[in-house]
N, C-alpha and C. Protein backbone atom coordinates (compact mmCIF):
# COMPACT_ATOMS: atom_id res chain seq x y z
N UNK A 1 0.85 -1.16 0.00
CA UNK A 1 0.00 0.00 0.00
C UNK A 1 0.90 1.23 0.00
N UNK A 2 0.61 2.16 -0.86
CA UNK A 2 1.39 3.40 -0.97
C UNK A 2 0.62 4.53 -0.32
N UNK A 3 1.33 5.32 0.47
CA UNK A 3 0.73 6.50 1.07
C UNK A 3 1.30 7.73 0.40
N UNK A 4 0.41 8.64 0.12
CA UNK A 4 0.87 9.90 -0.45
C UNK A 4 1.40 10.78 0.67
N UNK A 5 2.12 11.79 0.28
CA UNK A 5 2.70 12.72 1.26
C UNK A 5 1.61 13.38 2.10
N UNK A 6 0.50 13.73 1.49
CA UNK A 6 -0.59 14.39 2.23
C UNK A 6 -1.24 13.44 3.24
N UNK A 7 -1.37 12.17 2.88
CA UNK A 7 -1.95 11.21 3.82
C UNK A 7 -1.01 11.01 5.01
N UNK A 8 0.29 10.94 4.76
CA UNK A 8 1.25 10.81 5.85
C UNK A 8 1.22 12.02 6.77
N UNK A 9 1.04 13.19 6.18
CA UNK A 9 0.95 14.42 6.98
C UNK A 9 -0.28 14.37 7.88
N UNK A 10 -1.41 13.98 7.32
CA UNK A 10 -2.65 13.88 8.10
C UNK A 10 -2.48 12.86 9.22
N UNK A 11 -1.88 11.71 8.91
CA UNK A 11 -1.67 10.69 9.94
C UNK A 11 -0.73 11.19 11.04
N UNK A 12 0.30 11.92 10.68
CA UNK A 12 1.23 12.48 11.67
C UNK A 12 0.52 13.47 12.57
N UNK A 13 -0.32 14.30 12.00
CA UNK A 13 -1.08 15.28 12.81
C UNK A 13 -2.04 14.56 13.73
N UNK A 14 -2.73 13.55 13.22
CA UNK A 14 -3.67 12.79 14.05
C UNK A 14 -2.96 12.11 15.20
N UNK A 15 -1.79 11.55 14.93
CA UNK A 15 -1.01 10.91 15.98
C UNK A 15 -0.58 11.92 17.03
N UNK A 16 -0.12 13.09 16.61
CA UNK A 16 0.31 14.13 17.55
C UNK A 16 -0.85 14.60 18.41
N UNK A 17 -2.00 14.81 17.82
CA UNK A 17 -3.18 15.25 18.58
C UNK A 17 -3.56 14.18 19.61
N UNK A 18 -3.51 12.91 19.22
CA UNK A 18 -3.85 11.82 20.13
C UNK A 18 -2.86 11.74 21.29
N UNK A 19 -1.59 11.84 20.99
CA UNK A 19 -0.55 11.74 22.01
C UNK A 19 -0.69 12.85 23.04
N UNK A 20 -1.04 14.07 22.59
CA UNK A 20 -1.08 15.19 23.52
C UNK A 20 -2.43 15.43 24.16
N UNK A 21 -3.50 14.83 23.64
CA UNK A 21 -4.81 15.08 24.25
C UNK A 21 -5.36 13.90 25.02
N UNK A 22 -5.10 12.68 24.62
CA UNK A 22 -5.66 11.52 25.31
C UNK A 22 -5.24 11.45 26.78
N UNK A 23 -3.96 11.70 27.12
CA UNK A 23 -3.62 11.67 28.55
C UNK A 23 -4.39 12.68 29.38
N UNK A 24 -4.80 13.78 28.76
CA UNK A 24 -5.52 14.81 29.50
C UNK A 24 -6.97 14.44 29.73
N UNK A 25 -7.52 13.53 28.91
CA UNK A 25 -8.92 13.14 29.07
C UNK A 25 -9.10 12.42 30.40
N UNK A 26 -10.16 12.71 31.08
CA UNK A 26 -10.43 12.06 32.35
C UNK A 26 -9.78 12.74 33.54
N UNK A 27 -8.87 13.67 33.30
CA UNK A 27 -8.27 14.40 34.42
C UNK A 27 -9.19 15.53 34.83
N UNK A 28 -9.26 15.75 36.10
CA UNK A 28 -10.07 16.85 36.60
C UNK A 28 -9.31 18.15 36.43
N UNK A 29 -10.03 19.26 36.23
CA UNK A 29 -9.35 20.55 36.10
C UNK A 29 -8.54 20.87 37.35
N UNK A 30 -7.49 21.62 37.17
CA UNK A 30 -6.66 22.01 38.30
C UNK A 30 -5.57 21.00 38.55
N UNK A 31 -4.63 21.39 39.37
CA UNK A 31 -3.50 20.52 39.71
C UNK A 31 -3.53 20.24 41.20
N UNK A 32 -2.76 19.25 41.59
CA UNK A 32 -2.72 18.89 43.01
C UNK A 32 -2.30 20.07 43.86
N UNK A 33 -1.41 20.91 43.36
CA UNK A 33 -0.92 22.06 44.11
C UNK A 33 -1.91 23.21 44.21
N UNK A 34 -3.00 23.15 43.43
CA UNK A 34 -3.97 24.26 43.45
C UNK A 34 -4.61 24.43 44.82
N UNK A 35 -4.93 23.34 45.48
CA UNK A 35 -5.56 23.42 46.81
C UNK A 35 -4.59 24.05 47.81
N UNK A 36 -3.33 23.67 47.71
CA UNK A 36 -2.30 24.25 48.59
C UNK A 36 -2.12 25.74 48.30
N UNK A 37 -2.10 26.10 47.03
CA UNK A 37 -1.96 27.51 46.65
C UNK A 37 -3.16 28.32 47.13
N UNK A 38 -4.36 27.78 46.96
CA UNK A 38 -5.58 28.47 47.40
C UNK A 38 -5.55 28.68 48.92
N UNK A 39 -5.10 27.67 49.66
CA UNK A 39 -5.00 27.80 51.11
C UNK A 39 -4.00 28.89 51.49
N UNK A 40 -2.90 28.98 50.74
CA UNK A 40 -1.90 30.02 51.00
C UNK A 40 -2.49 31.42 50.77
N UNK A 41 -3.24 31.59 49.69
CA UNK A 41 -3.85 32.90 49.40
C UNK A 41 -4.89 33.23 50.47
N UNK A 42 -5.66 32.26 50.91
CA UNK A 42 -6.64 32.50 51.99
C UNK A 42 -5.93 32.95 53.26
N UNK A 43 -4.80 32.31 53.58
CA UNK A 43 -4.02 32.72 54.75
C UNK A 43 -3.53 34.16 54.59
N UNK A 44 -3.08 34.49 53.39
CA UNK A 44 -2.60 35.86 53.15
C UNK A 44 -3.72 36.88 53.31
N UNK A 45 -4.91 36.56 52.80
CA UNK A 45 -6.04 37.49 52.92
C UNK A 45 -6.41 37.70 54.40
N UNK A 46 -6.44 36.63 55.17
CA UNK A 46 -6.75 36.76 56.60
C UNK A 46 -5.64 37.47 57.36
N UNK A 47 -4.39 37.22 56.98
CA UNK A 47 -3.26 37.92 57.60
C UNK A 47 -3.28 39.40 57.27
N UNK A 48 -3.79 39.74 56.11
CA UNK A 48 -3.90 41.14 55.70
C UNK A 48 -4.83 41.90 56.64
N UNK A 49 -5.93 41.26 57.02
CA UNK A 49 -6.88 41.89 57.97
C UNK A 49 -6.19 42.12 59.31
N UNK A 50 -5.47 41.12 59.80
CA UNK A 50 -4.76 41.25 61.07
C UNK A 50 -3.72 42.37 61.00
N UNK A 51 -3.03 42.46 59.87
CA UNK A 51 -2.03 43.52 59.70
C UNK A 51 -2.69 44.89 59.67
N UNK A 52 -3.84 45.01 59.00
CA UNK A 52 -4.56 46.28 58.98
C UNK A 52 -4.94 46.71 60.39
N UNK A 53 -5.49 45.77 61.16
CA UNK A 53 -5.92 46.08 62.53
C UNK A 53 -4.75 46.47 63.42
N UNK A 54 -3.58 45.88 63.18
CA UNK A 54 -2.39 46.16 63.98
C UNK A 54 -1.58 47.34 63.44
N UNK A 55 -1.97 47.84 62.25
CA UNK A 55 -1.18 48.90 61.63
C UNK A 55 0.20 48.42 61.22
N UNK A 56 0.30 47.14 60.86
CA UNK A 56 1.58 46.49 60.54
C UNK A 56 1.91 46.64 59.06
N UNK A 57 2.77 47.59 58.75
CA UNK A 57 3.14 47.85 57.36
C UNK A 57 4.08 46.78 56.79
N UNK A 58 4.68 45.95 57.64
CA UNK A 58 5.59 44.92 57.14
C UNK A 58 4.85 43.91 56.25
N UNK A 59 3.55 43.73 56.51
CA UNK A 59 2.77 42.82 55.67
C UNK A 59 2.72 43.34 54.24
N UNK A 60 2.45 44.62 54.08
CA UNK A 60 2.39 45.23 52.74
C UNK A 60 3.76 45.16 52.09
N UNK A 61 4.80 45.50 52.84
CA UNK A 61 6.17 45.45 52.32
C UNK A 61 6.49 44.08 51.76
N UNK A 62 6.14 43.05 52.49
CA UNK A 62 6.51 41.68 52.13
C UNK A 62 5.62 41.08 51.04
N UNK A 63 4.32 41.36 51.06
CA UNK A 63 3.37 40.62 50.25
C UNK A 63 2.78 41.36 49.06
N UNK A 64 3.01 42.66 48.95
CA UNK A 64 2.53 43.41 47.79
C UNK A 64 3.68 43.56 46.79
N UNK A 65 3.37 43.37 45.53
CA UNK A 65 4.37 43.57 44.48
C UNK A 65 4.69 45.07 44.42
N UNK A 66 5.92 45.41 44.05
CA UNK A 66 6.33 46.81 44.02
C UNK A 66 5.46 47.66 43.10
N UNK A 67 4.90 47.07 42.03
CA UNK A 67 4.05 47.86 41.13
C UNK A 67 2.55 47.60 41.36
N UNK A 68 2.19 47.20 42.60
CA UNK A 68 0.79 46.99 42.98
C UNK A 68 -0.05 48.22 42.65
N UNK A 69 -1.25 47.96 42.14
CA UNK A 69 -2.24 49.02 41.93
C UNK A 69 -3.58 48.53 42.43
N UNK A 70 -4.28 49.38 43.18
CA UNK A 70 -5.60 49.02 43.68
C UNK A 70 -6.61 50.13 43.40
N UNK A 71 -7.78 49.73 42.95
CA UNK A 71 -8.88 50.68 42.76
C UNK A 71 -9.80 50.57 43.97
N UNK A 72 -9.90 51.66 44.73
CA UNK A 72 -10.69 51.60 45.97
C UNK A 72 -12.17 51.81 45.68
N UNK A 73 -12.99 51.42 46.65
CA UNK A 73 -14.44 51.61 46.52
C UNK A 73 -14.82 53.08 46.64
N UNK A 74 -13.86 53.92 46.98
CA UNK A 74 -14.09 55.37 47.09
C UNK A 74 -13.70 56.09 45.81
N UNK A 75 -13.26 55.31 44.80
CA UNK A 75 -13.00 55.89 43.49
C UNK A 75 -11.61 56.46 43.29
N UNK A 76 -10.63 55.95 44.03
CA UNK A 76 -9.26 56.43 43.81
C UNK A 76 -8.31 55.25 43.64
N UNK A 77 -7.16 55.54 43.04
CA UNK A 77 -6.12 54.53 42.85
C UNK A 77 -5.17 54.55 44.03
N UNK A 78 -4.71 53.36 44.42
CA UNK A 78 -3.72 53.23 45.47
C UNK A 78 -2.54 52.44 44.92
N UNK A 79 -1.37 52.72 45.44
CA UNK A 79 -0.16 51.98 45.09
C UNK A 79 0.44 51.43 46.37
N UNK A 80 1.41 50.56 46.23
CA UNK A 80 2.11 50.06 47.41
C UNK A 80 2.71 51.24 48.17
N UNK A 81 3.31 52.17 47.45
CA UNK A 81 3.95 53.33 48.07
C UNK A 81 2.93 54.19 48.83
N UNK A 82 1.76 54.44 48.24
CA UNK A 82 0.76 55.28 48.92
C UNK A 82 0.17 54.58 50.13
N UNK A 83 0.00 53.26 50.05
CA UNK A 83 -0.53 52.51 51.20
C UNK A 83 0.46 52.57 52.35
N UNK A 84 1.74 52.38 52.05
CA UNK A 84 2.77 52.44 53.10
C UNK A 84 2.84 53.83 53.71
N UNK A 85 2.72 54.87 52.90
CA UNK A 85 2.74 56.24 53.42
C UNK A 85 1.55 56.48 54.34
N UNK A 86 0.37 55.99 53.96
CA UNK A 86 -0.81 56.14 54.82
C UNK A 86 -0.64 55.40 56.14
N UNK A 87 -0.02 54.22 56.09
CA UNK A 87 0.17 53.45 57.31
C UNK A 87 1.15 54.13 58.26
N UNK A 88 2.07 54.91 57.74
CA UNK A 88 3.02 55.64 58.59
C UNK A 88 2.34 56.79 59.32
N UNK A 89 1.25 57.30 58.77
CA UNK A 89 0.49 58.39 59.39
C UNK A 89 -0.68 57.79 60.17
N UNK A 90 -0.36 57.10 61.28
CA UNK A 90 -1.38 56.38 62.03
C UNK A 90 -2.37 57.31 62.75
N UNK A 91 -2.03 58.58 62.89
CA UNK A 91 -2.96 59.53 63.51
C UNK A 91 -4.18 59.75 62.60
N UNK A 92 -3.96 59.78 61.29
CA UNK A 92 -5.03 60.05 60.33
C UNK A 92 -5.50 58.83 59.55
N UNK A 93 -4.82 57.70 59.74
CA UNK A 93 -5.16 56.48 59.01
C UNK A 93 -5.06 55.29 59.96
N UNK A 94 -6.22 54.72 60.28
CA UNK A 94 -6.24 53.62 61.24
C UNK A 94 -7.46 52.75 60.99
N UNK A 95 -7.26 51.44 61.08
CA UNK A 95 -8.38 50.50 60.95
C UNK A 95 -8.90 50.19 62.34
N UNK A 96 -10.18 50.54 62.58
CA UNK A 96 -10.81 50.29 63.88
C UNK A 96 -11.39 48.88 63.95
N UNK A 97 -12.00 48.45 62.86
CA UNK A 97 -12.53 47.09 62.78
C UNK A 97 -12.55 46.67 61.32
N UNK A 98 -12.39 45.37 61.11
CA UNK A 98 -12.41 44.83 59.74
C UNK A 98 -12.70 43.35 59.81
N UNK A 99 -13.54 42.89 58.90
CA UNK A 99 -13.89 41.47 58.84
C UNK A 99 -14.15 41.10 57.39
N UNK A 100 -13.56 39.98 56.95
CA UNK A 100 -13.86 39.50 55.60
C UNK A 100 -14.71 38.25 55.69
N UNK A 101 -15.54 38.04 54.67
CA UNK A 101 -16.39 36.86 54.60
C UNK A 101 -16.55 36.45 53.14
N UNK A 102 -17.14 35.31 52.93
CA UNK A 102 -17.38 34.78 51.57
C UNK A 102 -16.10 34.74 50.75
N UNK A 103 -14.99 34.40 51.38
CA UNK A 103 -13.70 34.35 50.70
C UNK A 103 -13.63 33.13 49.78
N UNK A 104 -13.29 33.39 48.53
CA UNK A 104 -13.13 32.33 47.54
C UNK A 104 -11.85 32.59 46.75
N UNK A 105 -11.10 31.54 46.47
CA UNK A 105 -9.84 31.68 45.73
C UNK A 105 -9.86 30.71 44.55
N UNK A 106 -9.49 31.23 43.39
CA UNK A 106 -9.34 30.40 42.19
C UNK A 106 -7.90 30.52 41.72
N UNK A 107 -7.33 29.39 41.31
CA UNK A 107 -5.94 29.33 40.88
C UNK A 107 -5.91 29.05 39.38
N UNK A 108 -5.10 29.82 38.67
CA UNK A 108 -4.89 29.65 37.23
C UNK A 108 -3.39 29.62 36.99
N UNK A 109 -2.77 28.47 37.23
CA UNK A 109 -1.32 28.37 37.06
C UNK A 109 -0.61 29.22 38.10
N UNK A 110 0.10 30.24 37.66
CA UNK A 110 0.84 31.14 38.56
C UNK A 110 0.07 32.40 38.89
N UNK A 111 -1.24 32.38 38.66
CA UNK A 111 -2.11 33.51 38.98
C UNK A 111 -3.22 33.03 39.91
N UNK A 112 -3.56 33.84 40.89
CA UNK A 112 -4.66 33.52 41.80
C UNK A 112 -5.58 34.73 41.90
N UNK A 113 -6.87 34.46 41.94
CA UNK A 113 -7.89 35.49 42.09
C UNK A 113 -8.66 35.19 43.37
N UNK A 114 -8.68 36.17 44.27
CA UNK A 114 -9.45 36.03 45.52
C UNK A 114 -10.60 37.02 45.49
N UNK A 115 -11.79 36.56 45.83
CA UNK A 115 -12.95 37.44 45.94
C UNK A 115 -13.53 37.29 47.35
N UNK A 116 -14.04 38.39 47.87
CA UNK A 116 -14.58 38.36 49.23
C UNK A 116 -15.39 39.61 49.52
N UNK A 117 -16.11 39.55 50.64
CA UNK A 117 -16.85 40.69 51.17
C UNK A 117 -16.04 41.22 52.35
N UNK A 118 -15.91 42.53 52.45
CA UNK A 118 -15.11 43.16 53.51
C UNK A 118 -15.96 44.23 54.19
N UNK A 119 -16.13 44.08 55.49
CA UNK A 119 -16.85 45.08 56.28
C UNK A 119 -15.83 45.74 57.21
N UNK A 120 -15.76 47.07 57.14
CA UNK A 120 -14.73 47.76 57.91
C UNK A 120 -15.21 49.10 58.45
N UNK A 121 -14.47 49.58 59.43
CA UNK A 121 -14.62 50.91 60.00
C UNK A 121 -13.20 51.45 60.15
N UNK A 122 -12.88 52.49 59.38
CA UNK A 122 -11.52 53.03 59.39
C UNK A 122 -11.51 54.54 59.49
N UNK A 123 -10.33 55.05 59.80
CA UNK A 123 -10.05 56.47 59.69
C UNK A 123 -9.11 56.57 58.49
N UNK A 124 -9.52 57.33 57.46
CA UNK A 124 -8.73 57.46 56.24
C UNK A 124 -8.53 58.94 55.95
N UNK A 125 -7.29 59.38 56.03
CA UNK A 125 -6.94 60.80 55.85
C UNK A 125 -7.75 61.68 56.79
N UNK A 126 -7.94 61.18 58.03
CA UNK A 126 -8.65 61.95 59.05
C UNK A 126 -10.16 61.86 58.97
N UNK A 127 -10.69 61.11 58.04
CA UNK A 127 -12.13 60.99 57.84
C UNK A 127 -12.58 59.57 58.15
N UNK A 128 -13.62 59.43 58.99
CA UNK A 128 -14.13 58.10 59.32
C UNK A 128 -14.88 57.54 58.12
N UNK A 129 -14.57 56.28 57.80
CA UNK A 129 -15.23 55.60 56.69
C UNK A 129 -15.61 54.20 57.16
N UNK A 130 -16.87 53.86 56.94
CA UNK A 130 -17.37 52.54 57.35
C UNK A 130 -18.35 52.07 56.29
N UNK A 131 -18.17 50.84 55.84
CA UNK A 131 -19.07 50.26 54.85
C UNK A 131 -18.70 48.81 54.60
N UNK A 132 -19.50 48.19 53.77
CA UNK A 132 -19.20 46.83 53.31
C UNK A 132 -18.94 46.91 51.81
N UNK A 133 -17.87 46.25 51.39
CA UNK A 133 -17.47 46.29 49.98
C UNK A 133 -17.27 44.88 49.45
N UNK A 134 -17.29 44.76 48.14
CA UNK A 134 -16.91 43.53 47.46
C UNK A 134 -15.53 43.77 46.87
N UNK A 135 -14.63 42.82 47.05
CA UNK A 135 -13.26 43.00 46.59
C UNK A 135 -12.78 41.82 45.76
N UNK A 136 -11.91 42.12 44.82
CA UNK A 136 -11.22 41.13 44.01
C UNK A 136 -9.73 41.45 44.08
N UNK A 137 -8.94 40.49 44.53
CA UNK A 137 -7.48 40.66 44.61
C UNK A 137 -6.83 39.68 43.64
N UNK A 138 -5.79 40.15 42.97
CA UNK A 138 -5.05 39.33 42.02
C UNK A 138 -3.63 39.13 42.54
N UNK A 139 -3.20 37.87 42.52
CA UNK A 139 -1.87 37.49 42.99
C UNK A 139 -1.13 36.80 41.86
N UNK A 140 0.19 36.95 41.85
CA UNK A 140 1.04 36.25 40.89
C UNK A 140 2.14 35.54 41.67
N UNK A 141 2.42 34.29 41.27
CA UNK A 141 3.49 33.53 41.90
C UNK A 141 4.75 33.66 41.03
N UNK A 142 5.80 34.22 41.62
CA UNK A 142 7.08 34.36 40.94
C UNK A 142 8.15 33.76 41.83
N UNK A 143 8.94 32.88 41.28
CA UNK A 143 10.00 32.21 42.03
C UNK A 143 9.46 31.56 43.31
N UNK A 144 8.26 30.99 43.22
CA UNK A 144 7.67 30.27 44.34
C UNK A 144 7.00 31.13 45.39
N UNK A 145 6.98 32.44 45.20
CA UNK A 145 6.40 33.36 46.18
C UNK A 145 5.19 34.08 45.59
N UNK A 146 4.11 34.12 46.36
CA UNK A 146 2.90 34.83 45.93
C UNK A 146 3.01 36.29 46.31
N UNK A 147 2.69 37.18 45.38
CA UNK A 147 2.64 38.63 45.62
C UNK A 147 1.32 39.17 45.10
N UNK A 148 0.72 40.07 45.86
CA UNK A 148 -0.50 40.72 45.39
C UNK A 148 -0.11 41.81 44.41
N UNK A 149 -0.70 41.77 43.22
CA UNK A 149 -0.34 42.73 42.17
C UNK A 149 -1.45 43.73 41.89
N UNK A 150 -2.69 43.38 42.22
CA UNK A 150 -3.81 44.28 41.93
C UNK A 150 -4.97 43.98 42.85
N UNK A 151 -5.81 44.99 43.01
CA UNK A 151 -7.02 44.84 43.81
C UNK A 151 -8.07 45.81 43.28
N UNK A 152 -9.31 45.43 43.41
CA UNK A 152 -10.39 46.35 43.04
C UNK A 152 -11.56 46.10 43.97
N UNK A 153 -12.19 47.17 44.42
CA UNK A 153 -13.31 47.07 45.35
C UNK A 153 -14.45 47.97 44.91
N UNK A 154 -15.65 47.56 45.24
CA UNK A 154 -16.83 48.40 45.01
C UNK A 154 -17.79 48.22 46.17
N UNK A 155 -18.57 49.25 46.42
CA UNK A 155 -19.50 49.19 47.54
C UNK A 155 -20.58 48.16 47.29
N UNK A 156 -20.92 47.42 48.34
CA UNK A 156 -21.97 46.41 48.26
C UNK A 156 -23.30 47.10 47.97
N UNK A 157 -24.08 46.55 47.05
CA UNK A 157 -25.39 47.11 46.74
C UNK A 157 -26.29 47.07 47.97
N UNK A 158 -27.05 48.12 48.14
CA UNK A 158 -27.93 48.20 49.32
C UNK A 158 -29.33 47.75 48.99
């Protein structure tokens, strides 16, 4: 039996598709490490609340990426630098109470997305602010370490 060049090409493509897709069939989405990564992000989110309540800027220093950007529920942008500056001015910036709930984490390789509800009472630039917000935080794993790179919050619908 003689095979033409085009038939051999088709057979080679079919073989390649089979080799690379059949092992993936039957596997559940996600990897074994996803549960561990999600638990790590949940710990970081809860530790963030503790750091806010304690006025502990070392948490931000260690866990926020240098080019972090956050969109606040008050309609302004925050950076790692601006957050650290606010934390140094504890007379005008202080967290009185804070609680997160409905925390969920999804892992996409080296990216993690955390969503949650946050209820807080703070002093921000000398002004008392209290409300419940919905937040989404984005983390990236680089060299085995998770860093928060972005955040966005909006006020909970009333």
